[in-house]
Amino acid sequence: MKIFKILNNNVAVVLDEQGEEKIVMGKGICFKKKAGEEIPAKTVDKVFSLAEGEVRSKFQALVQDIPLEHMVLGEEIIAEAKVRLGKSLNDMIYISLIDHVHTSIVRFLEGITVKNVLLWDIRRFYREEYETGLLTRPST
């Protein structure tokens, strides 16, 4: 995979063998690298292939400011939700959920508690998704 754009030390936009743009993650995969250089496949932990251009650009902006561990946690939750719900999810989930996970962790570490005023509605109208969220326990 050839680096197209470096987002941070752990995330890059790459072009695969077919010339398709993907986002790859891995601890330190871009350290001392430049655009145009190769990233060995064995160093890549996660590969994202987002179809919509707008989603891809928003995701690129998001991952520049979020620790790798938070992104991996969000991706694990999404993968588990896909299995439990048995359906594909909109690519926007990568942006919204990973941002939510990051913000929740930051708030927790700062001792900030936020009450979800929509919790009753979420339980009622999105029962299956809500229950999946309760059952999802990522390994990270």
N, C-alpha and C. Protein backbone atom coordinates (compact mmCIF):
# COMPACT_ATOMS: atom_id res chain seq x y z
N MET A 1 0.85 -1.18 0.00
CA MET A 1 0.00 0.00 0.00
C MET A 1 0.89 1.24 0.00
N LYS A 2 0.58 2.14 -0.89
CA LYS A 2 1.38 3.35 -1.03
C LYS A 2 0.69 4.51 -0.31
N ILE A 3 1.44 5.24 0.50
CA ILE A 3 0.89 6.37 1.25
C ILE A 3 0.48 7.48 0.29
N PHE A 4 -0.77 7.89 0.41
CA PHE A 4 -1.27 9.03 -0.34
C PHE A 4 -1.19 10.29 0.52
N LYS A 5 -1.62 10.14 1.80
CA LYS A 5 -1.62 11.27 2.72
C LYS A 5 -1.45 10.74 4.14
N ILE A 6 -0.56 11.35 4.91
CA ILE A 6 -0.37 10.98 6.30
C ILE A 6 -1.29 11.83 7.16
N LEU A 7 -2.09 11.18 8.01
CA LEU A 7 -3.00 11.90 8.89
C LEU A 7 -2.38 12.10 10.27
N ASN A 8 -1.67 11.11 10.75
CA ASN A 8 -0.85 11.22 11.96
C ASN A 8 0.08 10.01 12.00
N ASN A 9 0.84 9.81 13.05
CA ASN A 9 1.79 8.70 13.10
C ASN A 9 1.13 7.33 12.96
N ASN A 10 -0.16 7.25 13.29
CA ASN A 10 -0.85 5.97 13.32
C ASN A 10 -1.86 5.77 12.20
N VAL A 11 -2.13 6.78 11.41
CA VAL A 11 -3.20 6.71 10.40
C VAL A 11 -2.74 7.36 9.10
N ALA A 12 -3.08 6.69 7.98
CA ALA A 12 -2.74 7.24 6.67
C ALA A 12 -3.83 6.92 5.67
N VAL A 13 -3.92 7.75 4.66
CA VAL A 13 -4.75 7.45 3.50
C VAL A 13 -3.79 6.80 2.51
N VAL A 14 -4.18 5.63 2.00
CA VAL A 14 -3.32 4.89 1.07
C VAL A 14 -4.08 4.57 -0.20
N LEU A 15 -3.32 4.24 -1.21
CA LEU A 15 -3.88 3.71 -2.44
C LEU A 15 -3.49 2.25 -2.50
N ASP A 16 -4.49 1.37 -2.63
CA ASP A 16 -4.17 -0.05 -2.70
C ASP A 16 -3.72 -0.43 -4.11
N GLU A 17 -3.54 -1.71 -4.36
CA GLU A 17 -3.04 -2.20 -5.65
C GLU A 17 -3.96 -1.83 -6.81
N GLN A 18 -5.27 -1.69 -6.55
CA GLN A 18 -6.23 -1.32 -7.58
C GLN A 18 -6.40 0.20 -7.70
N GLY A 19 -5.66 0.95 -6.91
CA GLY A 19 -5.76 2.40 -6.93
C GLY A 19 -6.91 2.94 -6.11
N GLU A 20 -7.53 2.08 -5.30
CA GLU A 20 -8.65 2.50 -4.45
C GLU A 20 -8.11 3.14 -3.18
N GLU A 21 -8.73 4.26 -2.79
CA GLU A 21 -8.32 4.99 -1.60
C GLU A 21 -8.89 4.32 -0.36
N LYS A 22 -8.02 4.07 0.62
CA LYS A 22 -8.43 3.47 1.89
C LYS A 22 -7.74 4.19 3.03
N ILE A 23 -8.27 4.03 4.22
CA ILE A 23 -7.67 4.59 5.41
C ILE A 23 -7.15 3.41 6.23
N VAL A 24 -5.87 3.47 6.60
CA VAL A 24 -5.27 2.38 7.37
C VAL A 24 -4.79 2.90 8.72
N MET A 25 -4.84 2.00 9.72
CA MET A 25 -4.41 2.35 11.06
C MET A 25 -3.44 1.29 11.57
N GLY A 26 -2.49 1.72 12.35
CA GLY A 26 -1.56 0.82 12.99
C GLY A 26 -0.58 1.64 13.81
N LYS A 27 -0.15 1.10 14.91
CA LYS A 27 0.72 1.84 15.81
C LYS A 27 2.03 2.21 15.11
N GLY A 28 2.23 3.52 14.91
CA GLY A 28 3.46 4.05 14.35
C GLY A 28 3.71 3.75 12.88
N ILE A 29 2.68 3.40 12.12
CA ILE A 29 2.90 3.00 10.72
C ILE A 29 3.42 4.13 9.84
N CYS A 30 3.23 5.37 10.25
CA CYS A 30 3.69 6.51 9.43
C CYS A 30 4.93 7.18 10.00
N PHE A 31 5.46 6.66 11.08
CA PHE A 31 6.63 7.27 11.71
C PHE A 31 7.79 7.30 10.73
N LYS A 32 8.34 8.49 10.51
CA LYS A 32 9.46 8.72 9.58
C LYS A 32 9.14 8.31 8.15
N LYS A 33 7.88 8.42 7.76
CA LYS A 33 7.48 8.09 6.39
C LYS A 33 6.96 9.35 5.71
N LYS A 34 6.91 9.29 4.37
CA LYS A 34 6.41 10.39 3.55
C LYS A 34 5.42 9.85 2.54
N ALA A 35 4.61 10.76 2.00
CA ALA A 35 3.69 10.38 0.92
C ALA A 35 4.48 9.75 -0.21
N GLY A 36 3.92 8.68 -0.77
CA GLY A 36 4.57 7.98 -1.86
C GLY A 36 5.32 6.73 -1.40
N GLU A 37 5.63 6.65 -0.11
CA GLU A 37 6.33 5.47 0.41
C GLU A 37 5.34 4.34 0.68
N GLU A 38 5.85 3.14 0.74
CA GLU A 38 5.04 1.95 1.00
C GLU A 38 4.85 1.72 2.49
N ILE A 39 3.68 1.20 2.84
CA ILE A 39 3.42 0.74 4.21
C ILE A 39 3.28 -0.78 4.11
N PRO A 40 4.13 -1.51 4.80
CA PRO A 40 4.01 -2.98 4.76
C PRO A 40 2.66 -3.43 5.34
N ALA A 41 2.01 -4.33 4.66
CA ALA A 41 0.69 -4.80 5.09
C ALA A 41 0.73 -5.39 6.49
N LYS A 42 1.83 -6.01 6.87
CA LYS A 42 1.92 -6.64 8.19
C LYS A 42 1.88 -5.64 9.34
N THR A 43 2.15 -4.36 9.06
CA THR A 43 2.14 -3.33 10.11
C THR A 43 0.77 -2.69 10.28
N VAL A 44 -0.17 -2.99 9.39
CA VAL A 44 -1.49 -2.39 9.42
C VAL A 44 -2.43 -3.22 10.29
N ASP A 45 -3.08 -2.55 11.26
CA ASP A 45 -4.03 -3.24 12.15
C ASP A 45 -5.45 -3.19 11.60
N LYS A 46 -5.85 -2.05 11.05
CA LYS A 46 -7.22 -1.87 10.57
C LYS A 46 -7.19 -1.17 9.22
N VAL A 47 -8.15 -1.55 8.36
CA VAL A 47 -8.29 -0.92 7.05
C VAL A 47 -9.74 -0.48 6.92
N PHE A 48 -9.95 0.78 6.56
CA PHE A 48 -11.29 1.31 6.34
C PHE A 48 -11.43 1.67 4.87
N SER A 49 -12.51 1.20 4.29
CA SER A 49 -12.80 1.53 2.90
C SER A 49 -14.19 2.17 2.90
N LEU A 50 -14.23 3.49 2.96
CA LEU A 50 -15.48 4.21 3.04
C LEU A 50 -15.90 4.66 1.65
N ALA A 51 -17.11 4.31 1.27
CA ALA A 51 -17.57 4.53 -0.10
C ALA A 51 -17.82 6.00 -0.42
N GLU A 52 -18.50 6.69 0.44
CA GLU A 52 -18.89 8.07 0.14
C GLU A 52 -17.72 9.03 0.38
N GLY A 53 -17.48 9.91 -0.60
CA GLY A 53 -16.39 10.88 -0.50
C GLY A 53 -16.52 11.79 0.69
N GLU A 54 -17.74 12.25 0.97
CA GLU A 54 -17.97 13.16 2.10
C GLU A 54 -17.66 12.45 3.42
N VAL A 55 -18.09 11.20 3.54
CA VAL A 55 -17.82 10.44 4.76
C VAL A 55 -16.32 10.23 4.92
N ARG A 56 -15.65 9.90 3.83
CA ARG A 56 -14.21 9.66 3.86
C ARG A 56 -13.46 10.90 4.33
N SER A 57 -13.82 12.07 3.81
CA SER A 57 -13.11 13.30 4.21
C SER A 57 -13.42 13.68 5.66
N LYS A 58 -14.64 13.47 6.12
CA LYS A 58 -14.96 13.74 7.53
C LYS A 58 -14.21 12.78 8.44
N PHE A 59 -14.13 11.52 8.03
CA PHE A 59 -13.42 10.53 8.82
C PHE A 59 -11.94 10.88 8.91
N GLN A 60 -11.36 11.32 7.80
CA GLN A 60 -9.95 11.73 7.79
C GLN A 60 -9.71 12.87 8.77
N ALA A 61 -10.60 13.84 8.78
CA ALA A 61 -10.47 14.97 9.71
C ALA A 61 -10.59 14.50 11.16
N LEU A 62 -11.50 13.58 11.40
CA LEU A 62 -11.75 13.08 12.75
C LEU A 62 -10.54 12.33 13.30
N VAL A 63 -9.96 11.44 12.50
CA VAL A 63 -8.90 10.59 13.02
C VAL A 63 -7.60 11.33 13.28
N GLN A 64 -7.45 12.50 12.77
CA GLN A 64 -6.24 13.27 13.03
C GLN A 64 -6.11 13.68 14.48
N ASP A 65 -7.24 13.81 15.18
CA ASP A 65 -7.24 14.32 16.54
C ASP A 65 -7.59 13.30 17.61
N ILE A 66 -7.81 12.05 17.21
CA ILE A 66 -8.27 11.04 18.16
C ILE A 66 -7.21 9.97 18.34
N PRO A 67 -6.94 9.58 19.59
CA PRO A 67 -5.94 8.52 19.82
C PRO A 67 -6.34 7.21 19.14
N LEU A 68 -5.34 6.48 18.70
CA LEU A 68 -5.55 5.22 18.02
C LEU A 68 -6.42 4.27 18.84
N GLU A 69 -6.20 4.21 20.13
CA GLU A 69 -6.95 3.30 21.00
C GLU A 69 -8.44 3.59 20.97
N HIS A 70 -8.82 4.87 20.89
CA HIS A 70 -10.23 5.24 20.85
C HIS A 70 -10.84 4.83 19.52
N MET A 71 -10.08 4.97 18.44
CA MET A 71 -10.57 4.57 17.12
C MET A 71 -10.76 3.06 17.04
N VAL A 72 -9.81 2.33 17.59
CA VAL A 72 -9.90 0.87 17.58
C VAL A 72 -11.10 0.41 18.40
N LEU A 73 -11.31 1.02 19.54
CA LEU A 73 -12.45 0.68 20.39
C LEU A 73 -13.76 0.93 19.64
N GLY A 74 -13.89 2.08 19.01
CA GLY A 74 -15.09 2.39 18.23
C GLY A 74 -15.31 1.40 17.10
N GLU A 75 -14.24 1.03 16.41
CA GLU A 75 -14.35 0.08 15.30
C GLU A 75 -14.77 -1.29 15.80
N GLU A 76 -14.26 -1.71 16.96
CA GLU A 76 -14.65 -3.00 17.53
C GLU A 76 -16.14 -3.01 17.91
N ILE A 77 -16.61 -1.89 18.44
CA ILE A 77 -18.04 -1.79 18.79
C ILE A 77 -18.89 -1.89 17.53
N ILE A 78 -18.48 -1.21 16.47
CA ILE A 78 -19.23 -1.23 15.22
C ILE A 78 -19.24 -2.65 14.63
N ALA A 79 -18.09 -3.31 14.63
CA ALA A 79 -18.02 -4.68 14.10
C ALA A 79 -18.93 -5.62 14.88
N GLU A 80 -18.94 -5.50 16.19
CA GLU A 80 -19.81 -6.34 17.02
C GLU A 80 -21.28 -6.02 16.78
N ALA A 81 -21.61 -4.75 16.62
CA ALA A 81 -23.00 -4.35 16.36
C ALA A 81 -23.48 -4.91 15.02
N LYS A 82 -22.62 -4.91 14.01
CA LYS A 82 -22.99 -5.48 12.70
C LYS A 82 -23.34 -6.95 12.84
N VAL A 83 -22.55 -7.68 13.63
CA VAL A 83 -22.79 -9.11 13.83
C VAL A 83 -24.10 -9.31 14.61
N ARG A 84 -24.25 -8.60 15.71
CA ARG A 84 -25.44 -8.78 16.56
C ARG A 84 -26.73 -8.35 15.87
N LEU A 85 -26.66 -7.25 15.11
CA LEU A 85 -27.86 -6.76 14.43
C LEU A 85 -28.11 -7.49 13.12
N GLY A 86 -27.08 -8.10 12.57
CA GLY A 86 -27.22 -8.85 11.33
C GLY A 86 -27.53 -8.01 10.12
N LYS A 87 -27.03 -6.79 10.10
CA LYS A 87 -27.26 -5.92 8.95
C LYS A 87 -26.11 -4.96 8.78
N SER A 88 -26.01 -4.41 7.57
CA SER A 88 -24.95 -3.43 7.34
C SER A 88 -25.36 -2.10 7.95
N LEU A 89 -24.37 -1.30 8.26
CA LEU A 89 -24.62 0.00 8.88
C LEU A 89 -24.11 1.09 7.95
N ASN A 90 -24.70 2.24 8.04
CA ASN A 90 -24.30 3.39 7.24
C ASN A 90 -22.87 3.78 7.60
N ASP A 91 -22.07 4.14 6.59
CA ASP A 91 -20.68 4.53 6.83
C ASP A 91 -20.54 5.69 7.81
N MET A 92 -21.56 6.52 7.95
CA MET A 92 -21.50 7.65 8.89
C MET A 92 -21.34 7.18 10.33
N ILE A 93 -21.66 5.91 10.60
CA ILE A 93 -21.51 5.38 11.96
C ILE A 93 -20.06 5.46 12.41
N TYR A 94 -19.11 5.33 11.46
CA TYR A 94 -17.69 5.40 11.83
C TYR A 94 -17.34 6.77 12.37
N ILE A 95 -17.94 7.79 11.82
CA ILE A 95 -17.67 9.15 12.29
C ILE A 95 -18.39 9.40 13.61
N SER A 96 -19.68 9.15 13.64
CA SER A 96 -20.46 9.50 14.83
C SER A 96 -20.10 8.65 16.04
N LEU A 97 -19.95 7.34 15.87
CA LEU A 97 -19.67 6.51 17.03
C LEU A 97 -18.24 6.69 17.54
N ILE A 98 -17.27 6.77 16.64
CA ILE A 98 -15.89 6.96 17.10
C ILE A 98 -15.74 8.31 17.80
N ASP A 99 -16.38 9.33 17.28
CA ASP A 99 -16.36 10.64 17.94
C ASP A 99 -17.04 10.54 19.31
N HIS A 100 -18.15 9.82 19.38
CA HIS A 100 -18.88 9.64 20.63
C HIS A 100 -18.02 8.90 21.66
N VAL A 101 -17.37 7.83 21.23
CA VAL A 101 -16.50 7.05 22.13
C VAL A 101 -15.39 7.95 22.67
N HIS A 102 -14.74 8.68 21.77
CA HIS A 102 -13.63 9.56 22.19
C HIS A 102 -14.12 10.61 23.19
N THR A 103 -15.22 11.27 22.86
CA THR A 103 -15.75 12.31 23.74
C THR A 103 -16.15 11.73 25.09
N SER A 104 -16.75 10.55 25.09
CA SER A 104 -17.16 9.90 26.34
C SER A 104 -15.96 9.57 27.22
N ILE A 105 -14.89 9.08 26.61
CA ILE A 105 -13.69 8.75 27.37
C ILE A 105 -13.07 10.02 27.96
N VAL A 106 -12.99 11.06 27.15
CA VAL A 106 -12.43 12.33 27.64
C VAL A 106 -13.26 12.87 28.80
N ARG A 107 -14.57 12.85 28.66
CA ARG A 107 -15.44 13.33 29.75
C ARG A 107 -15.24 12.50 31.01
N PHE A 108 -15.18 11.18 30.85
CA PHE A 108 -14.99 10.30 32.00
C PHE A 108 -13.69 10.63 32.72
N LEU A 109 -12.61 10.78 31.96
CA LEU A 109 -11.31 11.09 32.55
C LEU A 109 -11.29 12.45 33.25
N GLU A 110 -12.14 13.36 32.79
CA GLU A 110 -12.22 14.69 33.41
C GLU A 110 -13.27 14.73 34.52
N GLY A 111 -13.93 13.61 34.79
CA GLY A 111 -14.93 13.54 35.86
C GLY A 111 -16.25 14.22 35.50
N ILE A 112 -16.53 14.36 34.23
CA ILE A 112 -17.76 15.02 33.79
C ILE A 112 -18.82 13.96 33.49
N THR A 113 -20.00 14.14 34.08
CA THR A 113 -21.12 13.24 33.85
C THR A 113 -22.18 13.97 33.05
N VAL A 114 -22.67 13.32 32.01
CA VAL A 114 -23.70 13.90 31.17
C VAL A 114 -24.93 13.00 31.22
N LYS A 115 -26.08 13.56 31.49
CA LYS A 115 -27.32 12.80 31.51
C LYS A 115 -27.93 12.84 30.12
N ASN A 116 -28.29 11.67 29.60
CA ASN A 116 -28.90 11.58 28.28
C ASN A 116 -30.41 11.77 28.43
N VAL A 117 -30.89 12.94 28.04
CA VAL A 117 -32.32 13.25 28.19
C VAL A 117 -33.18 12.48 27.17
N LEU A 118 -32.56 11.89 26.17
CA LEU A 118 -33.30 11.13 25.16
C LEU A 118 -33.28 9.63 25.42
N LEU A 119 -32.74 9.20 26.54
CA LEU A 119 -32.57 7.78 26.81
C LEU A 119 -33.89 7.01 26.73
N TRP A 120 -34.96 7.54 27.28
CA TRP A 120 -36.25 6.87 27.23
C TRP A 120 -36.68 6.65 25.78
N ASP A 121 -36.56 7.69 24.95
CA ASP A 121 -36.93 7.59 23.54
C ASP A 121 -36.05 6.59 22.80
N ILE A 122 -34.78 6.59 23.09
CA ILE A 122 -33.87 5.66 22.43
C ILE A 122 -34.25 4.23 22.77
N ARG A 123 -34.50 3.95 24.06
CA ARG A 123 -34.92 2.60 24.47
C ARG A 123 -36.20 2.17 23.77
N ARG A 124 -37.12 3.10 23.61
CA ARG A 124 -38.43 2.77 23.04
C ARG A 124 -38.38 2.61 21.52
N PHE A 125 -37.77 3.55 20.82
CA PHE A 125 -37.82 3.55 19.35
C PHE A 125 -36.68 2.77 18.69
N TYR A 126 -35.60 2.56 19.41
CA TYR A 126 -34.45 1.83 18.88
C TYR A 126 -34.08 0.68 19.82
N ARG A 127 -35.08 -0.11 20.16
CA ARG A 127 -34.93 -1.18 21.16
C ARG A 127 -33.79 -2.14 20.82
N GLU A 128 -33.77 -2.64 19.59
CA GLU A 128 -32.76 -3.62 19.19
C GLU A 128 -31.35 -3.02 19.26
N GLU A 129 -31.20 -1.80 18.77
CA GLU A 129 -29.90 -1.14 18.79
C GLU A 129 -29.47 -0.83 20.22
N TYR A 130 -30.42 -0.40 21.05
CA TYR A 130 -30.12 -0.10 22.45
C TYR A 130 -29.64 -1.35 23.18
N GLU A 131 -30.37 -2.46 22.99
CA GLU A 131 -29.98 -3.71 23.65
C GLU A 131 -28.62 -4.21 23.15
N THR A 132 -28.36 -4.01 21.88
CA THR A 132 -27.05 -4.38 21.32
C THR A 132 -25.95 -3.56 21.99
N GLY A 133 -26.20 -2.29 22.20
CA GLY A 133 -25.23 -1.42 22.86
C GLY A 133 -24.94 -1.88 24.29
N LEU A 134 -25.95 -2.39 24.96
CA LEU A 134 -25.75 -2.89 26.32
C LEU A 134 -24.92 -4.17 26.34
N LEU A 135 -25.08 -5.00 25.32
CA LEU A 135 -24.39 -6.28 25.25
C LEU A 135 -22.99 -6.20 24.70
N THR A 136 -22.69 -5.15 23.94
CA THR A 136 -21.39 -5.03 23.28
C THR A 136 -20.30 -4.77 24.30
N ARG A 137 -19.32 -5.64 24.32
CA ARG A 137 -18.18 -5.50 25.23
C ARG A 137 -16.90 -5.72 24.43
N PRO A 138 -16.34 -4.64 23.87
CA PRO A 138 -15.10 -4.78 23.09
C PRO A 138 -13.95 -5.32 23.96
N SER A 139 -12.96 -5.92 23.31
CA SER A 139 -11.82 -6.52 24.02
C SER A 139 -10.79 -5.51 24.49
N THR A 140 -10.81 -4.27 23.97
CA THR A 140 -9.80 -3.26 24.31
C THR A 140 -10.01 -2.71 25.70
